[in-house]
Amino acid sequence: MPEISRFLGIIISMYFDEHNPPHFHVKYNEHTAVMEIKTLNVLAGYLPAKVRGLVEEWAELHKQELLDMWETKDFHKIQPLV
């Protein structure tokens, strides 16, 4: 599972052969979640509210890049939230 970004203790990754809808995985300490790219809804798992807000802010900034990565499977690092 390629790590595509890491910031403030949050790790964002995507799997190569995943099912739809387009989504990414988030890990923060003992918490894990799967978030849909288009809606930024949590599909599975749980994140504390502050962490979820940071991830949503980051994903909103990079939504098209995330969707492109999902389609092409051309994974690369994405700028962290600063």
PDB file of N, CA and C in Angstrom:
ATOM      1  N   MET A   1       0.856  -1.180   0.000  1.00  0.00           N
ATOM      2  CA  MET A   1       0.000   0.000   0.000  1.00  0.00           C
ATOM      3  C   MET A   1       0.896   1.234   0.000  1.00  0.00           C
ATOM      4  N   PRO A   2       0.957   1.954  -1.108  1.00  0.00           N
ATOM      5  CA  PRO A   2       1.801   3.146  -1.179  1.00  0.00           C
ATOM      6  C   PRO A   2       1.307   4.269  -0.259  1.00  0.00           C
ATOM      7  N   GLU A   3       2.254   4.804   0.493  1.00  0.00           N
ATOM      8  CA  GLU A   3       1.977   5.983   1.308  1.00  0.00           C
ATOM      9  C   GLU A   3       2.056   7.183   0.378  1.00  0.00           C
ATOM     10  N   ILE A   4       0.994   7.969   0.329  1.00  0.00           N
ATOM     11  CA  ILE A   4       1.005   9.113  -0.583  1.00  0.00           C
ATOM     12  C   ILE A   4       1.190  10.444   0.121  1.00  0.00           C
ATOM     13  N   SER A   5       0.956  10.480   1.448  1.00  0.00           N
ATOM     14  CA  SER A   5       1.228  11.703   2.196  1.00  0.00           C
ATOM     15  C   SER A   5       1.310  11.387   3.678  1.00  0.00           C
ATOM     16  N   ARG A   6       2.040  12.255   4.395  1.00  0.00           N
ATOM     17  CA  ARG A   6       2.184  12.113   5.842  1.00  0.00           C
ATOM     18  C   ARG A   6       2.334  13.509   6.422  1.00  0.00           C
ATOM     19  N   PHE A   7       1.495  13.819   7.412  1.00  0.00           N
ATOM     20  CA  PHE A   7       1.578  15.123   8.065  1.00  0.00           C
ATOM     21  C   PHE A   7       0.917  15.049   9.436  1.00  0.00           C
ATOM     22  N   LEU A   8       1.499  15.733  10.406  1.00  0.00           N
ATOM     23  CA  LEU A   8       0.948  15.839  11.756  1.00  0.00           C
ATOM     24  C   LEU A   8       0.581  14.477  12.357  1.00  0.00           C
ATOM     25  N   GLY A   9       1.372  13.464  12.049  1.00  0.00           N
ATOM     26  CA  GLY A   9       1.113  12.131  12.567  1.00  0.00           C
ATOM     27  C   GLY A   9       0.055  11.352  11.808  1.00  0.00           C
ATOM     28  N   ILE A  10      -0.443  11.919  10.715  1.00  0.00           N
ATOM     29  CA  ILE A  10      -1.487  11.298   9.889  1.00  0.00           C
ATOM     30  C   ILE A  10      -0.817  10.672   8.668  1.00  0.00           C
ATOM     31  N   ILE A  11      -1.164   9.426   8.371  1.00  0.00           N
ATOM     32  CA  ILE A  11      -0.606   8.735   7.199  1.00  0.00           C
ATOM     33  C   ILE A  11      -1.745   8.457   6.223  1.00  0.00           C
ATOM     34  N   ILE A  12      -1.573   8.894   4.971  1.00  0.00           N
ATOM     35  CA  ILE A  12      -2.557   8.689   3.912  1.00  0.00           C
ATOM     36  C   ILE A  12      -1.968   7.707   2.908  1.00  0.00           C
ATOM     37  N   SER A  13      -2.759   6.706   2.527  1.00  0.00           N
ATOM     38  CA  SER A  13      -2.275   5.723   1.562  1.00  0.00           C
ATOM     39  C   SER A  13      -3.417   5.232   0.672  1.00  0.00           C
ATOM     40  N   MET A  14      -3.025   4.563  -0.412  1.00  0.00           N
ATOM     41  CA  MET A  14      -3.973   3.945  -1.341  1.00  0.00           C
ATOM     42  C   MET A  14      -3.454   2.554  -1.681  1.00  0.00           C
ATOM     43  N   TYR A  15      -4.378   1.642  -1.918  1.00  0.00           N
ATOM     44  CA  TYR A  15      -4.014   0.301  -2.373  1.00  0.00           C
ATOM     45  C   TYR A  15      -4.045   0.272  -3.900  1.00  0.00           C
ATOM     46  N   PHE A  16      -3.257  -0.620  -4.497  1.00  0.00           N
ATOM     47  CA  PHE A  16      -3.202  -0.718  -5.948  1.00  0.00           C
ATOM     48  C   PHE A  16      -4.487  -1.269  -6.555  1.00  0.00           C
ATOM     49  N   ASP A  17      -4.992  -2.368  -6.039  1.00  0.00           N
ATOM     50  CA  ASP A  17      -6.164  -3.020  -6.632  1.00  0.00           C
ATOM     51  C   ASP A  17      -7.340  -2.941  -5.667  1.00  0.00           C
ATOM     52  N   GLU A  18      -7.999  -1.808  -5.642  1.00  0.00           N
ATOM     53  CA  GLU A  18      -9.103  -1.591  -4.723  1.00  0.00           C
ATOM     54  C   GLU A  18     -10.430  -1.525  -5.462  1.00  0.00           C
ATOM     55  N   HIS A  19     -11.477  -1.668  -4.712  1.00  0.00           N
ATOM     56  CA  HIS A  19     -12.843  -1.613  -5.217  1.00  0.00           C
ATOM     57  C   HIS A  19     -13.323  -0.168  -5.251  1.00  0.00           C
ATOM     58  N   ASN A  20     -14.342   0.093  -6.047  1.00  0.00           N
ATOM     59  CA  ASN A  20     -14.969   1.415  -6.061  1.00  0.00           C
ATOM     60  C   ASN A  20     -15.867   1.557  -4.850  1.00  0.00           C
ATOM     61  N   PRO A  21     -16.202   2.732  -4.405  1.00  0.00           N
ATOM     62  CA  PRO A  21     -15.861   4.033  -4.971  1.00  0.00           C
ATOM     63  C   PRO A  21     -14.399   4.421  -4.683  1.00  0.00           C
ATOM     64  N   PRO A  22     -13.873   5.369  -5.456  1.00  0.00           N
ATOM     65  CA  PRO A  22     -12.509   5.840  -5.222  1.00  0.00           C
ATOM     66  C   PRO A  22     -12.354   6.312  -3.771  1.00  0.00           C
ATOM     67  N   HIS A  23     -11.301   5.836  -3.107  1.00  0.00           N
ATOM     68  CA  HIS A  23     -11.111   6.171  -1.702  1.00  0.00           C
ATOM     69  C   HIS A  23      -9.633   6.075  -1.325  1.00  0.00           C
ATOM     70  N   PHE A  24      -9.325   6.562  -0.124  1.00  0.00           N
ATOM     71  CA  PHE A  24      -7.980   6.436   0.426  1.00  0.00           C
ATOM     72  C   PHE A  24      -8.094   6.011   1.879  1.00  0.00           C
ATOM     73  N   HIS A  25      -6.984   5.533   2.412  1.00  0.00           N
ATOM     74  CA  HIS A  25      -6.929   5.032   3.777  1.00  0.00           C
ATOM     75  C   HIS A  25      -6.173   6.026   4.651  1.00  0.00           C
ATOM     76  N   VAL A  26      -6.643   6.191   5.882  1.00  0.00           N
ATOM     77  CA  VAL A  26      -6.033   7.119   6.824  1.00  0.00           C
ATOM     78  C   VAL A  26      -5.676   6.364   8.092  1.00  0.00           C
ATOM     79  N   LYS A  27      -4.483   6.628   8.605  1.00  0.00           N
ATOM     80  CA  LYS A  27      -4.078   6.065   9.883  1.00  0.00           C
ATOM     81  C   LYS A  27      -3.577   7.200  10.761  1.00  0.00           C
ATOM     82  N   TYR A  28      -4.070   7.221  11.982  1.00  0.00           N
ATOM     83  CA  TYR A  28      -3.625   8.208  12.970  1.00  0.00           C
ATOM     84  C   TYR A  28      -3.611   7.519  14.329  1.00  0.00           C
ATOM     85  N   ASN A  29      -2.414   7.317  14.883  1.00  0.00           N
ATOM     86  CA  ASN A  29      -2.265   6.562  16.131  1.00  0.00           C
ATOM     87  C   ASN A  29      -3.010   5.243  16.021  1.00  0.00           C
ATOM     88  N   GLU A  30      -3.944   4.970  16.927  1.00  0.00           N
ATOM     89  CA  GLU A  30      -4.671   3.694  16.879  1.00  0.00           C
ATOM     90  C   GLU A  30      -5.914   3.761  16.001  1.00  0.00           C
ATOM     91  N   HIS A  31      -6.182   4.902  15.406  1.00  0.00           N
ATOM     92  CA  HIS A  31      -7.382   5.089  14.588  1.00  0.00           C
ATOM     93  C   HIS A  31      -7.091   4.836  13.114  1.00  0.00           C
ATOM     94  N   THR A  32      -8.040   4.202  12.431  1.00  0.00           N
ATOM     95  CA  THR A  32      -7.944   4.014  10.987  1.00  0.00           C
ATOM     96  C   THR A  32      -9.301   4.321  10.372  1.00  0.00           C
ATOM     97  N   ALA A  33      -9.275   4.770   9.135  1.00  0.00           N
ATOM     98  CA  ALA A  33     -10.515   5.060   8.424  1.00  0.00           C
ATOM     99  C   ALA A  33     -10.276   4.948   6.929  1.00  0.00           C
ATOM    100  N   VAL A  34     -11.368   4.746   6.211  1.00  0.00           N
ATOM    101  CA  VAL A  34     -11.374   4.755   4.752  1.00  0.00           C
ATOM    102  C   VAL A  34     -12.286   5.907   4.355  1.00  0.00           C
ATOM    103  N   MET A  35     -11.770   6.814   3.496  1.00  0.00           N
ATOM    104  CA  MET A  35     -12.552   7.987   3.103  1.00  0.00           C
ATOM    105  C   MET A  35     -12.754   8.020   1.593  1.00  0.00           C
ATOM    106  N   GLU A  36     -13.986   8.271   1.187  1.00  0.00           N
ATOM    107  CA  GLU A  36     -14.315   8.411  -0.224  1.00  0.00           C
ATOM    108  C   GLU A  36     -13.744   9.729  -0.732  1.00  0.00           C
ATOM    109  N   ILE A  37     -13.150   9.699  -1.894  1.00  0.00           N
ATOM    110  CA  ILE A  37     -12.499  10.897  -2.427  1.00  0.00           C
ATOM    111  C   ILE A  37     -13.513  11.963  -2.836  1.00  0.00           C
ATOM    112  N   LYS A  38     -14.545  11.582  -3.547  1.00  0.00           N
ATOM    113  CA  LYS A  38     -15.478  12.583  -4.083  1.00  0.00           C
ATOM    114  C   LYS A  38     -16.277  13.296  -3.011  1.00  0.00           C
ATOM    115  N   THR A  39     -16.747  12.570  -1.998  1.00  0.00           N
ATOM    116  CA  THR A  39     -17.606  13.166  -0.967  1.00  0.00           C
ATOM    117  C   THR A  39     -16.881  13.455   0.333  1.00  0.00           C
ATOM    118  N   LEU A  40     -15.729  12.833   0.535  1.00  0.00           N
ATOM    119  CA  LEU A  40     -14.954  12.892   1.768  1.00  0.00           C
ATOM    120  C   LEU A  40     -15.705  12.308   2.955  1.00  0.00           C
ATOM    121  N   ASN A  41     -16.681  11.446   2.673  1.00  0.00           N
ATOM    122  CA  ASN A  41     -17.366  10.715   3.735  1.00  0.00           C
ATOM    123  C   ASN A  41     -16.484   9.578   4.220  1.00  0.00           C
ATOM    124  N   VAL A  42     -16.593   9.254   5.499  1.00  0.00           N
ATOM    125  CA  VAL A  42     -15.896   8.095   6.047  1.00  0.00           C
ATOM    126  C   VAL A  42     -16.709   6.856   5.696  1.00  0.00           C
ATOM    127  N   LEU A  43     -16.099   5.943   4.946  1.00  0.00           N
ATOM    128  CA  LEU A  43     -16.763   4.705   4.536  1.00  0.00           C
ATOM    129  C   LEU A  43     -16.632   3.620   5.590  1.00  0.00           C
ATOM    130  N   ALA A  44     -15.535   3.651   6.327  1.00  0.00           N
ATOM    131  CA  ALA A  44     -15.295   2.655   7.368  1.00  0.00           C
ATOM    132  C   ALA A  44     -14.311   3.237   8.366  1.00  0.00           C
ATOM    133  N   GLY A  45     -14.412   2.803   9.610  1.00  0.00           N
ATOM    134  CA  GLY A  45     -13.478   3.235  10.631  1.00  0.00           C
ATOM    135  C   GLY A  45     -13.908   4.517  11.307  1.00  0.00           C
ATOM    136  N   TYR A  46     -12.949   5.115  12.007  1.00  0.00           N
ATOM    137  CA  TYR A  46     -13.224   6.308  12.806  1.00  0.00           C
ATOM    138  C   TYR A  46     -11.967   7.152  12.916  1.00  0.00           C
ATOM    139  N   LEU A  47     -12.153   8.478  12.858  1.00  0.00           N
ATOM    140  CA  LEU A  47     -11.086   9.430  13.131  1.00  0.00           C
ATOM    141  C   LEU A  47     -11.609  10.465  14.122  1.00  0.00           C
ATOM    142  N   PRO A  48     -10.779  10.902  15.055  1.00  0.00           N
ATOM    143  CA  PRO A  48     -11.205  12.007  15.917  1.00  0.00           C
ATOM    144  C   PRO A  48     -11.574  13.220  15.055  1.00  0.00           C
ATOM    145  N   ALA A  49     -12.511  14.022  15.527  1.00  0.00           N
ATOM    146  CA  ALA A  49     -13.044  15.142  14.743  1.00  0.00           C
ATOM    147  C   ALA A  49     -11.950  16.075  14.221  1.00  0.00           C
ATOM    148  N   LYS A  50     -10.988  16.415  15.060  1.00  0.00           N
ATOM    149  CA  LYS A  50      -9.926  17.332  14.626  1.00  0.00           C
ATOM    150  C   LYS A  50      -9.102  16.723  13.493  1.00  0.00           C
ATOM    151  N   VAL A  51      -8.786  15.450  13.614  1.00  0.00           N
ATOM    152  CA  VAL A  51      -8.006  14.759  12.582  1.00  0.00           C
ATOM    153  C   VAL A  51      -8.823  14.654  11.304  1.00  0.00           C
ATOM    154  N   ARG A  52     -10.087  14.291  11.427  1.00  0.00           N
ATOM    155  CA  ARG A  52     -10.938  14.202  10.245  1.00  0.00           C
ATOM    156  C   ARG A  52     -10.996  15.543   9.521  1.00  0.00           C
ATOM    157  N   GLY A  53     -11.117  16.626  10.265  1.00  0.00           N
ATOM    158  CA  GLY A  53     -11.129  17.959   9.661  1.00  0.00           C
ATOM    159  C   GLY A  53      -9.859  18.266   8.895  1.00  0.00           C
ATOM    160  N   LEU A  54      -8.711  17.895   9.471  1.00  0.00           N
ATOM    161  CA  LEU A  54      -7.426  18.115   8.791  1.00  0.00           C
ATOM    162  C   LEU A  54      -7.334  17.288   7.516  1.00  0.00           C
ATOM    163  N   VAL A  55      -7.765  16.044   7.582  1.00  0.00           N
ATOM    164  CA  VAL A  55      -7.735  15.168   6.403  1.00  0.00           C
ATOM    165  C   VAL A  55      -8.679  15.700   5.332  1.00  0.00           C
ATOM    166  N   GLU A  56      -9.855  16.150   5.719  1.00  0.00           N
ATOM    167  CA  GLU A  56     -10.799  16.716   4.748  1.00  0.00           C
ATOM    168  C   GLU A  56     -10.221  17.955   4.085  1.00  0.00           C
ATOM    169  N   GLU A  57      -9.572  18.814   4.872  1.00  0.00           N
ATOM    170  CA  GLU A  57      -8.945  20.020   4.318  1.00  0.00           C
ATOM    171  C   GLU A  57      -7.869  19.640   3.298  1.00  0.00           C
ATOM    172  N   TRP A  58      -7.010  18.683   3.652  1.00  0.00           N
ATOM    173  CA  TRP A  58      -5.952  18.228   2.753  1.00  0.00           C
ATOM    174  C   TRP A  58      -6.545  17.620   1.481  1.00  0.00           C
ATOM    175  N   ALA A  59      -7.549  16.752   1.645  1.00  0.00           N
ATOM    176  CA  ALA A  59      -8.133  16.050   0.497  1.00  0.00           C
ATOM    177  C   ALA A  59      -8.860  17.010  -0.436  1.00  0.00           C
ATOM    178  N   GLU A  60      -9.487  18.022   0.114  1.00  0.00           N
ATOM    179  CA  GLU A  60     -10.169  19.014  -0.722  1.00  0.00           C
ATOM    180  C   GLU A  60      -9.161  19.732  -1.617  1.00  0.00           C
ATOM    181  N   LEU A  61      -8.000  20.036  -1.072  1.00  0.00           N
ATOM    182  CA  LEU A  61      -6.946  20.702  -1.848  1.00  0.00           C
ATOM    183  C   LEU A  61      -6.399  19.814  -2.963  1.00  0.00           C
ATOM    184  N   HIS A  62      -6.451  18.494  -2.781  1.00  0.00           N
ATOM    185  CA  HIS A  62      -5.820  17.559  -3.708  1.00  0.00           C
ATOM    186  C   HIS A  62      -6.817  16.592  -4.344  1.00  0.00           C
ATOM    187  N   LYS A  63      -8.091  16.944  -4.342  1.00  0.00           N
ATOM    188  CA  LYS A  63      -9.138  16.019  -4.797  1.00  0.00           C
ATOM    189  C   LYS A  63      -8.896  15.514  -6.218  1.00  0.00           C
ATOM    190  N   GLN A  64      -8.616  16.409  -7.150  1.00  0.00           N
ATOM    191  CA  GLN A  64      -8.426  15.974  -8.540  1.00  0.00           C
ATOM    192  C   GLN A  64      -7.185  15.101  -8.675  1.00  0.00           C
ATOM    193  N   GLU A  65      -6.137  15.450  -7.967  1.00  0.00           N
ATOM    194  CA  GLU A  65      -4.911  14.646  -8.002  1.00  0.00           C
ATOM    195  C   GLU A  65      -5.168  13.240  -7.443  1.00  0.00           C
ATOM    196  N   LEU A  66      -5.954  13.157  -6.377  1.00  0.00           N
ATOM    197  CA  LEU A  66      -6.312  11.857  -5.802  1.00  0.00           C
ATOM    198  C   LEU A  66      -7.141  11.030  -6.781  1.00  0.00           C
ATOM    199  N   LEU A  67      -8.112  11.661  -7.423  1.00  0.00           N
ATOM    200  CA  LEU A  67      -8.940  10.943  -8.405  1.00  0.00           C
ATOM    201  C   LEU A  67      -8.097  10.468  -9.588  1.00  0.00           C
ATOM    202  N   ASP A  68      -7.185  11.308 -10.042  1.00  0.00           N
ATOM    203  CA  ASP A  68      -6.294  10.922 -11.142  1.00  0.00           C
ATOM    204  C   ASP A  68      -5.426   9.730 -10.742  1.00  0.00           C
ATOM    205  N   MET A  69      -4.909   9.755  -9.511  1.00  0.00           N
ATOM    206  CA  MET A  69      -4.100   8.642  -9.031  1.00  0.00           C
ATOM    207  C   MET A  69      -4.918   7.363  -8.985  1.00  0.00           C
ATOM    208  N   TRP A  70      -6.158   7.474  -8.530  1.00  0.00           N
ATOM    209  CA  TRP A  70      -7.034   6.299  -8.446  1.00  0.00           C
ATOM    210  C   TRP A  70      -7.225   5.680  -9.837  1.00  0.00           C
ATOM    211  N   GLU A  71      -7.450   6.530 -10.826  1.00  0.00           N
ATOM    212  CA  GLU A  71      -7.713   6.051 -12.185  1.00  0.00           C
ATOM    213  C   GLU A  71      -6.476   5.466 -12.853  1.00  0.00           C
ATOM    214  N   THR A  72      -5.342   6.139 -12.711  1.00  0.00           N
ATOM    215  CA  THR A  72      -4.139   5.744 -13.441  1.00  0.00           C
ATOM    216  C   THR A  72      -3.264   4.751 -12.673  1.00  0.00           C
ATOM    217  N   LYS A  73      -3.454   4.658 -11.363  1.00  0.00           N
ATOM    218  CA  LYS A  73      -2.601   3.844 -10.483  1.00  0.00           C
ATOM    219  C   LYS A  73      -1.143   4.327 -10.526  1.00  0.00           C
ATOM    220  N   ASP A  74      -0.958   5.586 -10.912  1.00  0.00           N
ATOM    221  CA  ASP A  74       0.363   6.221 -10.925  1.00  0.00           C
ATOM    222  C   ASP A  74       0.533   6.943  -9.584  1.00  0.00           C
ATOM    223  N   PHE A  75       0.887   6.163  -8.553  1.00  0.00           N
ATOM    224  CA  PHE A  75       0.991   6.712  -7.205  1.00  0.00           C
ATOM    225  C   PHE A  75       2.260   7.511  -7.031  1.00  0.00           C
ATOM    226  N   HIS A  76       2.140   8.629  -6.334  1.00  0.00           N
ATOM    227  CA  HIS A  76       3.278   9.488  -6.020  1.00  0.00           C
ATOM    228  C   HIS A  76       2.951  10.246  -4.744  1.00  0.00           C
ATOM    229  N   LYS A  77       3.961  10.859  -4.170  1.00  0.00           N
ATOM    230  CA  LYS A  77       3.765  11.647  -2.948  1.00  0.00           C
ATOM    231  C   LYS A  77       2.984  12.917  -3.277  1.00  0.00           C
ATOM    232  N   ILE A  78       2.104  13.268  -2.348  1.00  0.00           N
ATOM    233  CA  ILE A  78       1.335  14.505  -2.445  1.00  0.00           C
ATOM    234  C   ILE A  78       1.763  15.403  -1.296  1.00  0.00           C
ATOM    235  N   GLN A  79       1.881  16.672  -1.589  1.00  0.00           N
ATOM    236  CA  GLN A  79       2.284  17.666  -0.596  1.00  0.00           C
ATOM    237  C   GLN A  79       1.462  17.530   0.679  1.00  0.00           C
ATOM    238  N   PRO A  80       2.102  17.512   1.836  1.00  0.00           N
ATOM    239  CA  PRO A  80       1.365  17.426   3.092  1.00  0.00           C
ATOM    240  C   PRO A  80       0.664  18.741   3.414  1.00  0.00           C
ATOM    241  N   LEU A  81      -0.254  18.675   4.341  1.00  0.00           N
ATOM    242  CA  LEU A  81      -0.921  19.874   4.832  1.00  0.00           C
ATOM    243  C   LEU A  81       0.062  20.592   5.733  1.00  0.00           C
ATOM    244  N   VAL A  82       0.246  21.883   5.483  1.00  0.00           N
ATOM    245  CA  VAL A  82       1.193  22.655   6.307  1.00  0.00           C
ATOM    246  C   VAL A  82       0.499  23.802   7.000  1.00  0.00           C
TER     247      VAL A  82
END
